[in-house]
């Protein structure tokens, strides 16, 4: 009598399945890295504090869906400056898409300071300048711009805007930080008035 041995294919199938699982868990070099993934920024604030004392000015712009800011609708969205005053400014960026869990993205900007830089441009107002657009530096000594300075001269007058631009240096190196990158995280205009 001849016996036929039937070999089970289960060990082979399990080995192939295990190999597929291990291969699927390896990093795909073509897949984009989430190390510097873009954060959702839905709220931007600018605070101006007079050097030597005075009324602190804070303005907020909301962008609930991250697709473009809503037009300012509240009086608190206007930064009112006093002639002859120097202000130390601070910018804050937040993900407030969940009002119960607001995330301060400024913390991440500071952590990745060699990949970010805020730029400020004043237009339409006479005698208001941003002589120092960065009072803070990144780890390489290049400007970061989370803190900055605004000066309203004695003869300052009128109304206009201060543009806040956050450059992200992902595709190009930041270098000395003097030039905006080709990638923009924020580009908004805050209303300014001199009284």
C-alpha atoms as a PDB file:
ATOM      1  CA  UNK A   1       0.000   0.000   0.000  1.00  0.00           C
ATOM      2  CA  UNK A   2       1.328   3.358  -1.026  1.00  0.00           C
ATOM      3  CA  UNK A   3       0.864   6.318   1.278  1.00  0.00           C
ATOM      4  CA  UNK A   4       0.766   9.828  -0.036  1.00  0.00           C
ATOM      5  CA  UNK A   5       2.004  12.595   2.149  1.00  0.00           C
ATOM      6  CA  UNK A   6      -0.117  15.714   2.072  1.00  0.00           C
ATOM      7  CA  UNK A   7       1.936  18.763   2.947  1.00  0.00           C
ATOM      8  CA  UNK A   8       0.126  21.581   4.580  1.00  0.00           C
ATOM      9  CA  UNK A   9       0.422  24.932   2.822  1.00  0.00           C
ATOM     10  CA  UNK A  10      -0.407  26.924   5.974  1.00  0.00           C
ATOM     11  CA  UNK A  11       3.193  27.474   7.106  1.00  0.00           C
ATOM     12  CA  UNK A  12       4.103  28.834   3.650  1.00  0.00           C
ATOM     13  CA  UNK A  13       1.020  31.101   3.505  1.00  0.00           C
ATOM     14  CA  UNK A  14       1.699  32.418   7.009  1.00  0.00           C
ATOM     15  CA  UNK A  15       5.315  33.181   6.113  1.00  0.00           C
ATOM     16  CA  UNK A  16       4.264  35.099   2.975  1.00  0.00           C
ATOM     17  CA  UNK A  17       1.593  37.013   4.921  1.00  0.00           C
ATOM     18  CA  UNK A  18       4.126  37.921   7.607  1.00  0.00           C
ATOM     19  CA  UNK A  19       6.560  39.175   4.968  1.00  0.00           C
ATOM     20  CA  UNK A  20       3.826  41.364   3.461  1.00  0.00           C
ATOM     21  CA  UNK A  21       2.977  42.857   6.858  1.00  0.00           C
ATOM     22  CA  UNK A  22       6.631  43.672   7.614  1.00  0.00           C
ATOM     23  CA  UNK A  23       7.098  45.211   4.170  1.00  0.00           C
ATOM     24  CA  UNK A  24       3.939  47.307   4.517  1.00  0.00           C
ATOM     25  CA  UNK A  25       5.141  48.731   7.842  1.00  0.00           C
ATOM     26  CA  UNK A  26       8.450  49.981   6.444  1.00  0.00           C
ATOM     27  CA  UNK A  27       8.734  53.637   5.516  1.00  0.00           C
ATOM     28  CA  UNK A  28       7.917  54.389   1.920  1.00  0.00           C
ATOM     29  CA  UNK A  29      10.686  56.723   0.731  1.00  0.00           C
ATOM     30  CA  UNK A  30       8.277  58.239  -1.803  1.00  0.00           C
ATOM     31  CA  UNK A  31       5.693  59.021   0.874  1.00  0.00           C
ATOM     32  CA  UNK A  32       5.782  62.603   2.165  1.00  0.00           C
ATOM     33  CA  UNK A  33       7.182  63.096   5.642  1.00  0.00           C
ATOM     34  CA  UNK A  34       4.737  64.392   8.218  1.00  0.00           C
ATOM     35  CA  UNK A  35       7.627  65.843  10.225  1.00  0.00           C
ATOM     36  CA  UNK A  36       6.848  69.355   8.942  1.00  0.00           C
ATOM     37  CA  UNK A  37       3.208  68.940   8.062  1.00  0.00           C
ATOM     38  CA  UNK A  38       1.225  72.122   7.612  1.00  0.00           C
ATOM     39  CA  UNK A  39      -0.774  73.097  10.646  1.00  0.00           C
ATOM     40  CA  UNK A  40      -4.265  74.540  10.471  1.00  0.00           C
ATOM     41  CA  UNK A  41      -4.137  78.188  11.557  1.00  0.00           C
ATOM     42  CA  UNK A  42      -7.566  79.660  12.244  1.00  0.00           C
ATOM     43  CA  UNK A  43      -6.724  82.623  14.486  1.00  0.00           C
ATOM     44  CA  UNK A  44      -3.971  85.235  14.318  1.00  0.00           C
ATOM     45  CA  UNK A  45      -3.438  87.873  17.006  1.00  0.00           C
ATOM     46  CA  UNK A  46      -1.156  90.890  17.130  1.00  0.00           C
ATOM     47  CA  UNK A  47      -0.479  92.629  20.437  1.00  0.00           C
ATOM     48  CA  UNK A  48       1.283  96.003  20.648  1.00  0.00           C
ATOM     49  CA  UNK A  49       2.580  97.094  24.058  1.00  0.00           C
ATOM     50  CA  UNK A  50       3.756 100.705  24.446  1.00  0.00           C
ATOM     51  CA  UNK A  51       7.352 100.987  25.665  1.00  0.00           C
ATOM     52  CA  UNK A  52       7.247 102.985  28.902  1.00  0.00           C
ATOM     53  CA  UNK A  53       3.573 102.241  29.638  1.00  0.00           C
ATOM     54  CA  UNK A  54       0.205 102.951  28.100  1.00  0.00           C
ATOM     55  CA  UNK A  55      -2.743 101.115  26.599  1.00  0.00           C
ATOM     56  CA  UNK A  56      -1.946  97.671  25.190  1.00  0.00           C
ATOM     57  CA  UNK A  57      -3.513  97.101  21.754  1.00  0.00           C
ATOM     58  CA  UNK A  58      -4.593  93.618  20.625  1.00  0.00           C
ATOM     59  CA  UNK A  59      -6.273  92.688  17.359  1.00  0.00           C
ATOM     60  CA  UNK A  60      -7.494  89.315  16.107  1.00  0.00           C
ATOM     61  CA  UNK A  61      -8.237  87.932  12.670  1.00  0.00           C
ATOM     62  CA  UNK A  62     -10.203  84.681  12.405  1.00  0.00           C
ATOM     63  CA  UNK A  63     -10.021  82.178   9.578  1.00  0.00           C
ATOM     64  CA  UNK A  64     -12.373  79.386  10.770  1.00  0.00           C
ATOM     65  CA  UNK A  65     -11.763  76.959   7.906  1.00  0.00           C
ATOM     66  CA  UNK A  66      -8.166  77.875   7.078  1.00  0.00           C
ATOM     67  CA  UNK A  67      -9.214  78.905   3.572  1.00  0.00           C
ATOM     68  CA  UNK A  68      -8.910  82.685   3.994  1.00  0.00           C
ATOM     69  CA  UNK A  69      -9.587  85.137   6.787  1.00  0.00           C
ATOM     70  CA  UNK A  70     -12.946  86.639   7.547  1.00  0.00           C
ATOM     71  CA  UNK A  71     -13.079  90.423   7.204  1.00  0.00           C
ATOM     72  CA  UNK A  72     -12.535  92.169  10.536  1.00  0.00           C
ATOM     73  CA  UNK A  73     -15.915  92.909  12.079  1.00  0.00           C
ATOM     74  CA  UNK A  74     -15.206  94.091  15.608  1.00  0.00           C
ATOM     75  CA  UNK A  75     -13.643  97.355  16.786  1.00  0.00           C
ATOM     76  CA  UNK A  76     -11.033  95.242  18.604  1.00  0.00           C
ATOM     77  CA  UNK A  77      -9.676  94.216  15.214  1.00  0.00           C
ATOM     78  CA  UNK A  78      -8.162  97.715  14.740  1.00  0.00           C
ATOM     79  CA  UNK A  79      -4.780  98.544  16.266  1.00  0.00           C
ATOM     80  CA  UNK A  80      -4.989 102.176  17.444  1.00  0.00           C
ATOM     81  CA  UNK A  81      -1.608 103.868  17.834  1.00  0.00           C
ATOM     82  CA  UNK A  82      -0.622 107.053  19.656  1.00  0.00           C
ATOM     83  CA  UNK A  83       1.765 109.476  17.900  1.00  0.00           C
ATOM     84  CA  UNK A  84       5.234 109.584  19.449  1.00  0.00           C
ATOM     85  CA  UNK A  85       5.005 106.044  20.811  1.00  0.00           C
ATOM     86  CA  UNK A  86       7.178 102.959  20.301  1.00  0.00           C
ATOM     87  CA  UNK A  87       5.450  99.576  20.645  1.00  0.00           C
ATOM     88  CA  UNK A  88       6.865  96.124  21.242  1.00  0.00           C
ATOM     89  CA  UNK A  89       4.769  93.706  19.234  1.00  0.00           C
ATOM     90  CA  UNK A  90       3.975  90.026  19.561  1.00  0.00           C
ATOM     91  CA  UNK A  91       2.201  87.786  17.075  1.00  0.00           C
ATOM     92  CA  UNK A  92       0.319  84.608  18.005  1.00  0.00           C
ATOM     93  CA  UNK A  93      -1.024  81.896  15.716  1.00  0.00           C
ATOM     94  CA  UNK A  94      -3.598  79.341  16.846  1.00  0.00           C
ATOM     95  CA  UNK A  95      -5.689  76.402  15.684  1.00  0.00           C
ATOM     96  CA  UNK A  96      -9.061  77.235  17.213  1.00  0.00           C
ATOM     97  CA  UNK A  97     -11.062  74.894  14.979  1.00  0.00           C
ATOM     98  CA  UNK A  98     -12.137  73.135  18.187  1.00  0.00           C
ATOM     99  CA  UNK A  99     -13.097  75.924  20.640  1.00  0.00           C
ATOM    100  CA  UNK A 100     -12.689  73.467  23.519  1.00  0.00           C
ATOM    101  CA  UNK A 101      -9.130  72.589  22.519  1.00  0.00           C
ATOM    102  CA  UNK A 102      -7.330  75.664  21.131  1.00  0.00           C
ATOM    103  CA  UNK A 103      -3.769  74.810  20.087  1.00  0.00           C
ATOM    104  CA  UNK A 104      -1.059  77.475  20.244  1.00  0.00           C
ATOM    105  CA  UNK A 105       0.802  76.976  16.953  1.00  0.00           C
ATOM    106  CA  UNK A 106       3.248  79.729  17.970  1.00  0.00           C
ATOM    107  CA  UNK A 107       4.924  77.111  20.165  1.00  0.00           C
ATOM    108  CA  UNK A 108       5.607  74.962  17.105  1.00  0.00           C
ATOM    109  CA  UNK A 109       6.853  77.974  15.122  1.00  0.00           C
ATOM    110  CA  UNK A 110       9.354  78.638  17.920  1.00  0.00           C
ATOM    111  CA  UNK A 111      10.395  74.960  18.030  1.00  0.00           C
ATOM    112  CA  UNK A 112      10.964  74.992  14.255  1.00  0.00           C
ATOM    113  CA  UNK A 113      12.469  78.492  14.283  1.00  0.00           C
ATOM    114  CA  UNK A 114      15.023  77.681  11.577  1.00  0.00           C
ATOM    115  CA  UNK A 115      12.115  77.016   9.184  1.00  0.00           C
ATOM    116  CA  UNK A 116       9.957  80.095   9.924  1.00  0.00           C
ATOM    117  CA  UNK A 117      10.122  83.884   9.737  1.00  0.00           C
ATOM    118  CA  UNK A 118       7.478  86.579  10.251  1.00  0.00           C
ATOM    119  CA  UNK A 119       7.641  89.698   8.055  1.00  0.00           C
ATOM    120  CA  UNK A 120       5.747  92.975   8.711  1.00  0.00           C
ATOM    121  CA  UNK A 121       4.860  95.737   6.249  1.00  0.00           C
ATOM    122  CA  UNK A 122       2.982  98.953   7.083  1.00  0.00           C
ATOM    123  CA  UNK A 123       1.022 100.703   4.320  1.00  0.00           C
ATOM    124  CA  UNK A 124      -1.306 103.692   4.126  1.00  0.00           C
ATOM    125  CA  UNK A 125      -0.317 105.289   7.435  1.00  0.00           C
ATOM    126  CA  UNK A 126       1.972 108.310   7.581  1.00  0.00           C
ATOM    127  CA  UNK A 127       4.828 108.102  10.070  1.00  0.00           C
ATOM    128  CA  UNK A 128       4.378 104.496  11.238  1.00  0.00           C
ATOM    129  CA  UNK A 129       7.264 102.096  10.646  1.00  0.00           C
ATOM    130  CA  UNK A 130       8.530  98.683  11.690  1.00  0.00           C
ATOM    131  CA  UNK A 131      12.215  99.520  12.258  1.00  0.00           C
ATOM    132  CA  UNK A 132      12.906  96.134  13.824  1.00  0.00           C
ATOM    133  CA  UNK A 133      10.858  93.314  12.349  1.00  0.00           C
ATOM    134  CA  UNK A 134      12.436  90.754  14.666  1.00  0.00           C
ATOM    135  CA  UNK A 135      13.379  91.149  18.302  1.00  0.00           C
ATOM    136  CA  UNK A 136      13.987  87.377  18.562  1.00  0.00           C
ATOM    137  CA  UNK A 137      16.327  85.052  16.686  1.00  0.00           C
ATOM    138  CA  UNK A 138      16.399  81.404  15.699  1.00  0.00           C
ATOM    139  CA  UNK A 139      19.074  78.962  16.870  1.00  0.00           C
ATOM    140  CA  UNK A 140      21.343  80.048  14.000  1.00  0.00           C
ATOM    141  CA  UNK A 141      21.125  83.762  14.776  1.00  0.00           C
ATOM    142  CA  UNK A 142      18.690  84.581  11.949  1.00  0.00           C
ATOM    143  CA  UNK A 143      15.530  86.622  12.685  1.00  0.00           C
ATOM    144  CA  UNK A 144      12.316  84.833  13.678  1.00  0.00           C
ATOM    145  CA  UNK A 145       9.923  87.766  14.184  1.00  0.00           C
ATOM    146  CA  UNK A 146       7.457  86.434  16.759  1.00  0.00           C
ATOM    147  CA  UNK A 147       8.372  89.662  18.548  1.00  0.00           C
ATOM    148  CA  UNK A 148       8.936  92.940  16.678  1.00  0.00           C
ATOM    149  CA  UNK A 149       8.778  96.714  17.068  1.00  0.00           C
ATOM    150  CA  UNK A 150       6.439  99.388  15.674  1.00  0.00           C
ATOM    151  CA  UNK A 151       7.142 103.116  15.926  1.00  0.00           C
ATOM    152  CA  UNK A 152       4.516 105.856  15.525  1.00  0.00           C
ATOM    153  CA  UNK A 153       6.378 109.128  14.947  1.00  0.00           C
ATOM    154  CA  UNK A 154       5.261 112.410  16.547  1.00  0.00           C
ATOM    155  CA  UNK A 155       3.656 113.434  13.233  1.00  0.00           C
ATOM    156  CA  UNK A 156       2.073 110.016  12.522  1.00  0.00           C
ATOM    157  CA  UNK A 157      -1.459 110.185  11.145  1.00  0.00           C
ATOM    158  CA  UNK A 158      -4.079 108.391   9.128  1.00  0.00           C
ATOM    159  CA  UNK A 159      -5.166 104.794   8.837  1.00  0.00           C
ATOM    160  CA  UNK A 160      -3.914 101.803   6.911  1.00  0.00           C
ATOM    161  CA  UNK A 161      -2.718  98.261   7.495  1.00  0.00           C
ATOM    162  CA  UNK A 162       0.108  96.180   8.863  1.00  0.00           C
ATOM    163  CA  UNK A 163       0.669  93.063   6.805  1.00  0.00           C
ATOM    164  CA  UNK A 164       1.754  89.932   8.695  1.00  0.00           C
ATOM    165  CA  UNK A 165       3.457  87.343   6.503  1.00  0.00           C
ATOM    166  CA  UNK A 166       4.740  84.031   7.877  1.00  0.00           C
ATOM    167  CA  UNK A 167       7.239  82.378   5.558  1.00  0.00           C
ATOM    168  CA  UNK A 168       7.945  78.656   5.820  1.00  0.00           C
ATOM    169  CA  UNK A 169      11.397  77.555   4.680  1.00  0.00           C
ATOM    170  CA  UNK A 170      10.837  73.961   3.639  1.00  0.00           C
ATOM    171  CA  UNK A 171      11.925  73.842  -0.003  1.00  0.00           C
ATOM    172  CA  UNK A 172      14.578  76.545   0.343  1.00  0.00           C
ATOM    173  CA  UNK A 173      17.009  77.235   3.199  1.00  0.00           C
ATOM    174  CA  UNK A 174      16.242  80.158   5.508  1.00  0.00           C
ATOM    175  CA  UNK A 175      19.807  81.436   5.451  1.00  0.00           C
ATOM    176  CA  UNK A 176      19.969  84.851   7.106  1.00  0.00           C
ATOM    177  CA  UNK A 177      16.160  85.184   6.999  1.00  0.00           C
ATOM    178  CA  UNK A 178      16.220  88.461   5.094  1.00  0.00           C
ATOM    179  CA  UNK A 179      14.066  87.218   2.203  1.00  0.00           C
ATOM    180  CA  UNK A 180      10.618  85.578   2.310  1.00  0.00           C
ATOM    181  CA  UNK A 181      10.504  81.992   1.085  1.00  0.00           C
ATOM    182  CA  UNK A 182       8.380  80.603  -1.735  1.00  0.00           C
ATOM    183  CA  UNK A 183       6.012  79.032   0.807  1.00  0.00           C
ATOM    184  CA  UNK A 184       3.591  81.129   2.878  1.00  0.00           C
ATOM    185  CA  UNK A 185       1.816  79.913   6.031  1.00  0.00           C
ATOM    186  CA  UNK A 186       0.027  83.219   6.778  1.00  0.00           C
ATOM    187  CA  UNK A 187      -0.591  86.418   4.829  1.00  0.00           C
ATOM    188  CA  UNK A 188      -3.081  88.770   6.545  1.00  0.00           C
ATOM    189  CA  UNK A 189      -3.596  92.518   6.964  1.00  0.00           C
ATOM    190  CA  UNK A 190      -4.469  94.087  10.315  1.00  0.00           C
ATOM    191  CA  UNK A 191      -6.117  97.508  10.370  1.00  0.00           C
ATOM    192  CA  UNK A 192      -4.059 100.383  11.818  1.00  0.00           C
ATOM    193  CA  UNK A 193      -5.238 103.807  12.921  1.00  0.00           C
ATOM    194  CA  UNK A 194      -3.339 106.689  14.515  1.00  0.00           C
ATOM    195  CA  UNK A 195      -5.236 108.859  17.010  1.00  0.00           C
END
